[in-house]
PDB file of N, CA and C in Angstrom:
ATOM      1  N   MET A   1      47.276  99.301  86.499  1.00  0.00           N
ATOM      2  CA  MET A   1      46.187 100.269  86.552  1.00  0.00           C
ATOM      3  C   MET A   1      45.014  99.729  87.359  1.00  0.00           C
ATOM      4  N   GLU A   2      44.746  98.436  87.218  1.00  0.00           N
ATOM      5  CA  GLU A   2      43.606  97.845  87.927  1.00  0.00           C
ATOM      6  C   GLU A   2      43.807  97.860  89.444  1.00  0.00           C
ATOM      7  N   ALA A   3      45.042  97.647  89.891  1.00  0.00           N
ATOM      8  CA  ALA A   3      45.326  97.666  91.329  1.00  0.00           C
ATOM      9  C   ALA A   3      45.107  99.070  91.902  1.00  0.00           C
ATOM     10  N   THR A   4      45.462 100.092  91.129  1.00  0.00           N
ATOM     11  CA  THR A   4      45.261 101.469  91.575  1.00  0.00           C
ATOM     12  C   THR A   4      43.779 101.781  91.689  1.00  0.00           C
ATOM     13  N   MET A   5      43.001 101.292  90.736  1.00  0.00           N
ATOM     14  CA  MET A   5      41.558 101.512  90.752  1.00  0.00           C
ATOM     15  C   MET A   5      40.926 100.818  91.952  1.00  0.00           C
ATOM     16  N   THR A   6      41.355  99.597  92.229  1.00  0.00           N
ATOM     17  CA  THR A   6      40.831  98.853  93.370  1.00  0.00           C
ATOM     18  C   THR A   6      41.184  99.552  94.678  1.00  0.00           C
ATOM     19  N   LEU A   7      42.404 100.062  94.760  1.00  0.00           N
ATOM     20  CA  LEU A   7      42.835 100.777  95.960  1.00  0.00           C
ATOM     21  C   LEU A   7      42.029 102.059  96.153  1.00  0.00           C
ATOM     22  N   GLY A   8      41.745 102.757  95.071  1.00  0.00           N
ATOM     23  CA  GLY A   8      40.948 103.988  95.144  1.00  0.00           C
ATOM     24  C   GLY A   8      39.517 103.721  95.584  1.00  0.00           C
ATOM     25  N   VAL A   9      38.916 102.679  95.039  1.00  0.00           N
ATOM     26  CA  VAL A   9      37.546 102.327  95.431  1.00  0.00           C
ATOM     27  C   VAL A   9      37.512 101.905  96.896  1.00  0.00           C
ATOM     28  N   SER A  10      38.511 101.150  97.314  1.00  0.00           N
ATOM     29  CA  SER A  10      38.580 100.729  98.712  1.00  0.00           C
ATOM     30  C   SER A  10      38.717 101.934  99.640  1.00  0.00           C
ATOM     31  N   ALA A  11      39.499 102.917  99.246  1.00  0.00           N
ATOM     32  CA  ALA A  11      39.669 104.122 100.063  1.00  0.00           C
ATOM     33  C   ALA A  11      38.365 104.903 100.180  1.00  0.00           C
ATOM     34  N   ILE A  12      37.639 105.019  99.075  1.00  0.00           N
ATOM     35  CA  ILE A  12      36.351 105.733  99.100  1.00  0.00           C
ATOM     36  C   ILE A  12      35.348 104.999  99.984  1.00  0.00           C
ATOM     37  N   ILE A  13      35.329 103.685  99.906  1.00  0.00           N
ATOM     38  CA  ILE A  13      34.426 102.898 100.756  1.00  0.00           C
ATOM     39  C   ILE A  13      34.792 103.090 102.227  1.00  0.00           C
ATOM     40  N   ASN A  14      36.085 103.076 102.541  1.00  0.00           N
ATOM     41  CA  ASN A  14      36.523 103.263 103.928  1.00  0.00           C
ATOM     42  C   ASN A  14      36.147 104.642 104.456  1.00  0.00           C
ATOM     43  N   ILE A  15      36.291 105.672 103.630  1.00  0.00           N
ATOM     44  CA  ILE A  15      35.910 107.023 104.041  1.00  0.00           C
ATOM     45  C   ILE A  15      34.412 107.100 104.301  1.00  0.00           C
ATOM     46  N   CYS A  16      33.629 106.521 103.407  1.00  0.00           N
ATOM     47  CA  CYS A  16      32.167 106.541 103.578  1.00  0.00           C
ATOM     48  C   CYS A  16      31.745 105.797 104.839  1.00  0.00           C
ATOM     49  N   ILE A  17      32.339 104.644 105.086  1.00  0.00           N
ATOM     50  CA  ILE A  17      32.016 103.881 106.298  1.00  0.00           C
ATOM     51  C   ILE A  17      32.373 104.696 107.537  1.00  0.00           C
ATOM     52  N   SER A  18      33.519 105.344 107.528  1.00  0.00           N
ATOM     53  CA  SER A  18      33.932 106.158 108.682  1.00  0.00           C
ATOM     54  C   SER A  18      32.965 107.304 108.934  1.00  0.00           C
ATOM     55  N   LEU A  19      32.596 108.013 107.881  1.00  0.00           N
ATOM     56  CA  LEU A  19      31.672 109.133 108.051  1.00  0.00           C
ATOM     57  C   LEU A  19      30.300 108.686 108.531  1.00  0.00           C
ATOM     58  N   VAL A  20      29.808 107.589 107.984  1.00  0.00           N
ATOM     59  CA  VAL A  20      28.496 107.079 108.407  1.00  0.00           C
ATOM     60  C   VAL A  20      28.529 106.664 109.875  1.00  0.00           C
ATOM     61  N   CYS A  21      29.600 106.020 110.302  1.00  0.00           N
ATOM     62  CA  CYS A  21      29.705 105.588 111.701  1.00  0.00           C
ATOM     63  C   CYS A  21      29.820 106.778 112.653  1.00  0.00           C
ATOM     64  N   ILE A  22      30.534 107.810 112.250  1.00  0.00           N
ATOM     65  CA  ILE A  22      30.650 109.000 113.093  1.00  0.00           C
ATOM     66  C   ILE A  22      29.303 109.699 113.216  1.00  0.00           C
ATOM     67  N   VAL A  23      28.589 109.826 112.108  1.00  0.00           N
ATOM     68  CA  VAL A  23      27.257 110.453 112.151  1.00  0.00           C
ATOM     69  C   VAL A  23      26.303 109.611 112.980  1.00  0.00           C
ATOM     70  N   PHE A  24      26.381 108.294 112.854  1.00  0.00           N
ATOM     71  CA  PHE A  24      25.518 107.416 113.641  1.00  0.00           C
ATOM     72  C   PHE A  24      25.813 107.566 115.135  1.00  0.00           C
ATOM     73  N   ALA A  25      27.091 107.605 115.495  1.00  0.00           N
ATOM     74  CA  ALA A  25      27.460 107.784 116.908  1.00  0.00           C
ATOM     75  C   ALA A  25      26.980 109.133 117.417  1.00  0.00           C
ATOM     76  N   TRP A  26      27.086 110.170 116.596  1.00  0.00           N
ATOM     77  CA  TRP A  26      26.627 111.497 116.989  1.00  0.00           C
ATOM     78  C   TRP A  26      25.122 111.501 117.237  1.00  0.00           C
ATOM     79  N   ARG A  27      24.357 110.847 116.348  1.00  0.00           N
ATOM     80  CA  ARG A  27      22.902 110.793 116.510  1.00  0.00           C
ATOM     81  C   ARG A  27      22.514 110.034 117.788  1.00  0.00           C
ATOM     82  N   VAL A  28      23.224 108.975 118.075  1.00  0.00           N
ATOM     83  CA  VAL A  28      22.932 108.203 119.291  1.00  0.00           C
ATOM     84  C   VAL A  28      23.281 109.014 120.533  1.00  0.00           C
ATOM     85  N   LEU A  29      24.455 109.634 120.536  1.00  0.00           N
ATOM     86  CA  LEU A  29      24.871 110.414 121.708  1.00  0.00           C
ATOM     87  C   LEU A  29      24.055 111.686 121.876  1.00  0.00           C
ATOM     88  N   TRP A  30      23.508 112.207 120.804  1.00  0.00           N
ATOM     89  CA  TRP A  30      22.681 113.410 120.888  1.00  0.00           C
ATOM     90  C   TRP A  30      21.450 113.150 121.765  1.00  0.00           C
ATOM     91  N   ASN A  31      20.918 111.930 121.716  1.00  0.00           N
ATOM     92  CA  ASN A  31      19.735 111.575 122.498  1.00  0.00           C
ATOM     93  C   ASN A  31      20.050 111.332 123.973  1.00  0.00           C
ATOM     94  N   VAL A  32      21.315 111.249 124.329  1.00  0.00           N
ATOM     95  CA  VAL A  32      21.696 111.006 125.720  1.00  0.00           C
ATOM     96  C   VAL A  32      21.540 112.269 126.568  1.00  0.00           C
ATOM     97  N   LYS A  33      21.607 113.435 125.972  1.00  0.00           N
ATOM     98  CA  LYS A  33      21.490 114.725 126.664  1.00  0.00           C
ATOM     99  C   LYS A  33      22.604 114.892 127.696  1.00  0.00           C
ATOM    100  N   LEU A  34      23.819 115.011 127.217  1.00  0.00           N
ATOM    101  CA  LEU A  34      24.975 115.159 128.092  1.00  0.00           C
ATOM    102  C   LEU A  34      24.923 116.417 128.941  1.00  0.00           C
ATOM    103  N   GLU A  35      24.221 117.440 128.470  1.00  0.00           N
ATOM    104  CA  GLU A  35      24.150 118.690 129.224  1.00  0.00           C
ATOM    105  C   GLU A  35      23.571 118.471 130.621  1.00  0.00           C
ATOM    106  N   LYS A  36      22.570 117.605 130.704  1.00  0.00           N
ATOM    107  CA  LYS A  36      21.928 117.339 131.992  1.00  0.00           C
ATOM    108  C   LYS A  36      22.823 116.501 132.904  1.00  0.00           C
ATOM    109  N   TRP A  37      23.535 115.567 132.347  1.00  0.00           N
ATOM    110  CA  TRP A  37      24.380 114.690 133.147  1.00  0.00           C
ATOM    111  C   TRP A  37      25.611 115.411 133.671  1.00  0.00           C
ATOM    112  N   LEU A  38      26.193 116.276 132.851  1.00  0.00           N
ATOM    113  CA  LEU A  38      27.433 116.942 133.243  1.00  0.00           C
ATOM    114  C   LEU A  38      27.194 118.181 134.098  1.00  0.00           C
ATOM    115  N   ARG A  39      26.054 118.800 133.960  1.00  0.00           N
ATOM    116  CA  ARG A  39      25.689 120.004 134.705  1.00  0.00           C
ATOM    117  C   ARG A  39      26.730 121.115 134.556  1.00  0.00           C
ATOM    118  N   VAL A  40      27.064 121.383 133.315  1.00  0.00           N
ATOM    119  CA  VAL A  40      28.016 122.460 133.035  1.00  0.00           C
ATOM    120  C   VAL A  40      27.237 123.744 132.789  1.00  0.00           C
ATOM    121  N   PRO A  41      27.776 124.884 133.205  1.00  0.00           N
ATOM    122  CA  PRO A  41      27.053 126.141 133.011  1.00  0.00           C
ATOM    123  C   PRO A  41      26.969 126.547 131.536  1.00  0.00           C
ATOM    124  N   ASN A  42      27.934 126.121 130.751  1.00  0.00           N
ATOM    125  CA  ASN A  42      27.969 126.478 129.344  1.00  0.00           C
ATOM    126  C   ASN A  42      27.686 125.225 128.506  1.00  0.00           C
ATOM    127  N   PRO A  43      26.539 125.144 127.826  1.00  0.00           N
ATOM    128  CA  PRO A  43      26.219 123.935 127.064  1.00  0.00           C
ATOM    129  C   PRO A  43      27.141 123.690 125.872  1.00  0.00           C
ATOM    130  N   SER A  44      27.901 124.701 125.462  1.00  0.00           N
ATOM    131  CA  SER A  44      28.814 124.485 124.342  1.00  0.00           C
ATOM    132  C   SER A  44      29.948 123.526 124.731  1.00  0.00           C
ATOM    133  N   GLN A  45      30.282 123.477 126.016  1.00  0.00           N
ATOM    134  CA  GLN A  45      31.294 122.525 126.478  1.00  0.00           C
ATOM    135  C   GLN A  45      30.777 121.098 126.331  1.00  0.00           C
ATOM    136  N   ALA A  46      29.521 120.884 126.658  1.00  0.00           N
ATOM    137  CA  ALA A  46      28.935 119.557 126.513  1.00  0.00           C
ATOM    138  C   ALA A  46      28.834 119.175 125.034  1.00  0.00           C
ATOM    139  N   ARG A  47      28.553 120.145 124.188  1.00  0.00           N
ATOM    140  CA  ARG A  47      28.484 119.869 122.745  1.00  0.00           C
ATOM    141  C   ARG A  47      29.858 119.510 122.188  1.00  0.00           C
ATOM    142  N   ALA A  48      30.888 120.187 122.675  1.00  0.00           N
ATOM    143  CA  ALA A  48      32.251 119.859 122.241  1.00  0.00           C
ATOM    144  C   ALA A  48      32.615 118.435 122.662  1.00  0.00           C
ATOM    145  N   LEU A  49      32.247 118.066 123.881  1.00  0.00           N
ATOM    146  CA  LEU A  49      32.476 116.702 124.341  1.00  0.00           C
ATOM    147  C   LEU A  49      31.691 115.711 123.492  1.00  0.00           C
ATOM    148  N   LEU A  50      30.480 116.072 123.130  1.00  0.00           N
ATOM    149  CA  LEU A  50      29.652 115.218 122.279  1.00  0.00           C
ATOM    150  C   LEU A  50      30.333 114.976 120.931  1.00  0.00           C
ATOM    151  N   ILE A  51      30.908 116.005 120.358  1.00  0.00           N
ATOM    152  CA  ILE A  51      31.589 115.859 119.064  1.00  0.00           C
ATOM    153  C   ILE A  51      32.812 114.961 119.203  1.00  0.00           C
ATOM    154  N   LEU A  52      33.598 115.188 120.251  1.00  0.00           N
ATOM    155  CA  LEU A  52      34.794 114.370 120.445  1.00  0.00           C
ATOM    156  C   LEU A  52      34.445 112.906 120.704  1.00  0.00           C
ATOM    157  N   LEU A  53      33.444 112.663 121.526  1.00  0.00           N
ATOM    158  CA  LEU A  53      33.011 111.288 121.781  1.00  0.00           C
ATOM    159  C   LEU A  53      32.458 110.635 120.515  1.00  0.00           C
ATOM    160  N   SER A  54      31.733 111.398 119.716  1.00  0.00           N
ATOM    161  CA  SER A  54      31.184 110.866 118.475  1.00  0.00           C
ATOM    162  C   SER A  54      32.285 110.440 117.522  1.00  0.00           C
ATOM    163  N   VAL A  55      33.310 111.266 117.404  1.00  0.00           N
ATOM    164  CA  VAL A  55      34.425 110.924 116.519  1.00  0.00           C
ATOM    165  C   VAL A  55      35.170 109.694 117.040  1.00  0.00           C
ATOM    166  N   ALA A  56      35.413 109.647 118.347  1.00  0.00           N
ATOM    167  CA  ALA A  56      36.149 108.519 118.926  1.00  0.00           C
ATOM    168  C   ALA A  56      35.370 107.210 118.790  1.00  0.00           C
ATOM    169  N   ILE A  57      34.107 107.219 119.154  1.00  0.00           N
ATOM    170  CA  ILE A  57      33.294 106.000 119.069  1.00  0.00           C
ATOM    171  C   ILE A  57      33.048 105.622 117.615  1.00  0.00           C
ATOM    172  N   GLY A  58      32.722 106.605 116.783  1.00  0.00           N
ATOM    173  CA  GLY A  58      32.481 106.330 115.371  1.00  0.00           C
ATOM    174  C   GLY A  58      33.707 105.758 114.678  1.00  0.00           C
ATOM    175  N   HIS A  59      34.873 106.264 115.023  1.00  0.00           N
ATOM    176  CA  HIS A  59      36.103 105.753 114.426  1.00  0.00           C
ATOM    177  C   HIS A  59      36.342 104.299 114.830  1.00  0.00           C
ATOM    178  N   GLN A  60      36.107 103.976 116.087  1.00  0.00           N
ATOM    179  CA  GLN A  60      36.311 102.598 116.540  1.00  0.00           C
ATOM    180  C   GLN A  60      35.340 101.630 115.857  1.00  0.00           C
ATOM    181  N   VAL A  61      34.099 102.035 115.732  1.00  0.00           N
ATOM    182  CA  VAL A  61      33.107 101.186 115.055  1.00  0.00           C
ATOM    183  C   VAL A  61      33.471 101.031 113.575  1.00  0.00           C
ATOM    184  N   ALA A  62      33.860 102.121 112.935  1.00  0.00           N
ATOM    185  CA  ALA A  62      34.253 102.066 111.525  1.00  0.00           C
ATOM    186  C   ALA A  62      35.482 101.184 111.344  1.00  0.00           C
ATOM    187  N   ARG A  63      36.452 101.304 112.237  1.00  0.00           N
ATOM    188  CA  ARG A  63      37.662 100.472 112.136  1.00  0.00           C
ATOM    189  C   ARG A  63      37.304  98.989 112.217  1.00  0.00           C
ATOM    190  N   PHE A  64      36.367  98.651 113.116  1.00  0.00           N
ATOM    191  CA  PHE A  64      35.922  97.264 113.229  1.00  0.00           C
ATOM    192  C   PHE A  64      35.263  96.805 111.930  1.00  0.00           C
ATOM    193  N   LEU A  65      34.368  97.613 111.377  1.00  0.00           N
ATOM    194  CA  LEU A  65      33.683  97.227 110.151  1.00  0.00           C
ATOM    195  C   LEU A  65      34.638  97.106 108.965  1.00  0.00           C
ATOM    196  N   ILE A  66      35.591  98.019 108.864  1.00  0.00           N
ATOM    197  CA  ILE A  66      36.561  97.970 107.773  1.00  0.00           C
ATOM    198  C   ILE A  66      37.457  96.746 107.911  1.00  0.00           C
ATOM    199  N   ASP A  67      37.900  96.457 109.126  1.00  0.00           N
ATOM    200  CA  ASP A  67      38.699  95.247 109.352  1.00  0.00           C
ATOM    201  C   ASP A  67      37.903  93.996 109.004  1.00  0.00           C
ATOM    202  N   TYR A  68      36.638  93.974 109.379  1.00  0.00           N
ATOM    203  CA  TYR A  68      35.779  92.830 109.085  1.00  0.00           C
ATOM    204  C   TYR A  68      35.653  92.634 107.573  1.00  0.00           C
ATOM    205  N   LEU A  69      35.474  93.723 106.831  1.00  0.00           N
ATOM    206  CA  LEU A  69      35.400  93.622 105.372  1.00  0.00           C
ATOM    207  C   LEU A  69      36.712  93.117 104.782  1.00  0.00           C
ATOM    208  N   ASP A  70      37.824  93.605 105.294  1.00  0.00           N
ATOM    209  CA  ASP A  70      39.133  93.150 104.811  1.00  0.00           C
ATOM    210  C   ASP A  70      39.350  91.671 105.101  1.00  0.00           C
ATOM    211  N   TRP A  71      38.972  91.232 106.290  1.00  0.00           N
ATOM    212  CA  TRP A  71      39.119  89.822 106.632  1.00  0.00           C
ATOM    213  C   TRP A  71      38.233  88.955 105.745  1.00  0.00           C
ATOM    214  N   SER A  72      37.039  89.441 105.441  1.00  0.00           N
ATOM    215  CA  SER A  72      36.144  88.687 104.564  1.00  0.00           C
ATOM    216  C   SER A  72      36.733  88.551 103.169  1.00  0.00           C
ATOM    217  N   ARG A  73      37.347  89.626 102.675  1.00  0.00           N
ATOM    218  CA  ARG A  73      37.991  89.555 101.356  1.00  0.00           C
ATOM    219  C   ARG A  73      39.157  88.576 101.367  1.00  0.00           C
ATOM    220  N   LEU A  74      39.929  88.579 102.435  1.00  0.00           N
ATOM    221  CA  LEU A  74      41.063  87.649 102.523  1.00  0.00           C
ATOM    222  C   LEU A  74      40.606  86.200 102.549  1.00  0.00           C
ATOM    223  N   ILE A  75      39.532  85.935 103.264  1.00  0.00           N
ATOM    224  CA  ILE A  75      39.003  84.572 103.292  1.00  0.00           C
ATOM    225  C   ILE A  75      38.523  84.166 101.914  1.00  0.00           C
ATOM    226  N   GLY A  76      37.845  85.093 101.228  1.00  0.00           N
ATOM    227  CA  GLY A  76      37.375  84.797  99.873  1.00  0.00           C
ATOM    228  C   GLY A  76      38.524  84.534  98.903  1.00  0.00           C
ATOM    229  N   GLN A  77      39.607  85.269  99.029  1.00  0.00           N
ATOM    230  CA  GLN A  77      40.752  85.084  98.144  1.00  0.00           C
ATOM    231  C   GLN A  77      41.511  83.799  98.487  1.00  0.00           C
ATOM    232  N   THR A  78      41.551  83.447  99.758  1.00  0.00           N
ATOM    233  CA  THR A  78      42.307  82.285 100.191  1.00  0.00           C
ATOM    234  C   THR A  78      41.581  80.975  99.858  1.00  0.00           C
ATOM    235  N   LEU A  79      40.297  80.949 100.115  1.00  0.00           N
ATOM    236  CA  LEU A  79      39.547  79.700  99.934  1.00  0.00           C
ATOM    237  C   LEU A  79      39.125  79.437  98.492  1.00  0.00           C
ATOM    238  N   PHE A  80      38.834  80.496  97.772  1.00  0.00           N
ATOM    239  CA  PHE A  80      38.281  80.283  96.426  1.00  0.00           C
ATOM    240  C   PHE A  80      39.212  80.766  95.387  1.00  0.00           C
TER     241      PHE A  80
END
């Protein structure tokens, strides 16, 4: 039962980290003003690109942070 609880908590933490990283990437990319750089007639296309880039970048950052946390746990279990 304890292993299931630990796995559930780890999953919730991973989901939260992923969502926070995606929102952070979206906030950063929002300030870039892609509409001006791309010069598209329809700004909704630039917004769609913004969402896709936010998800892609946020996922990569979250994956790095989650891997880092996992590696830290492994070091703690191995050494101590």
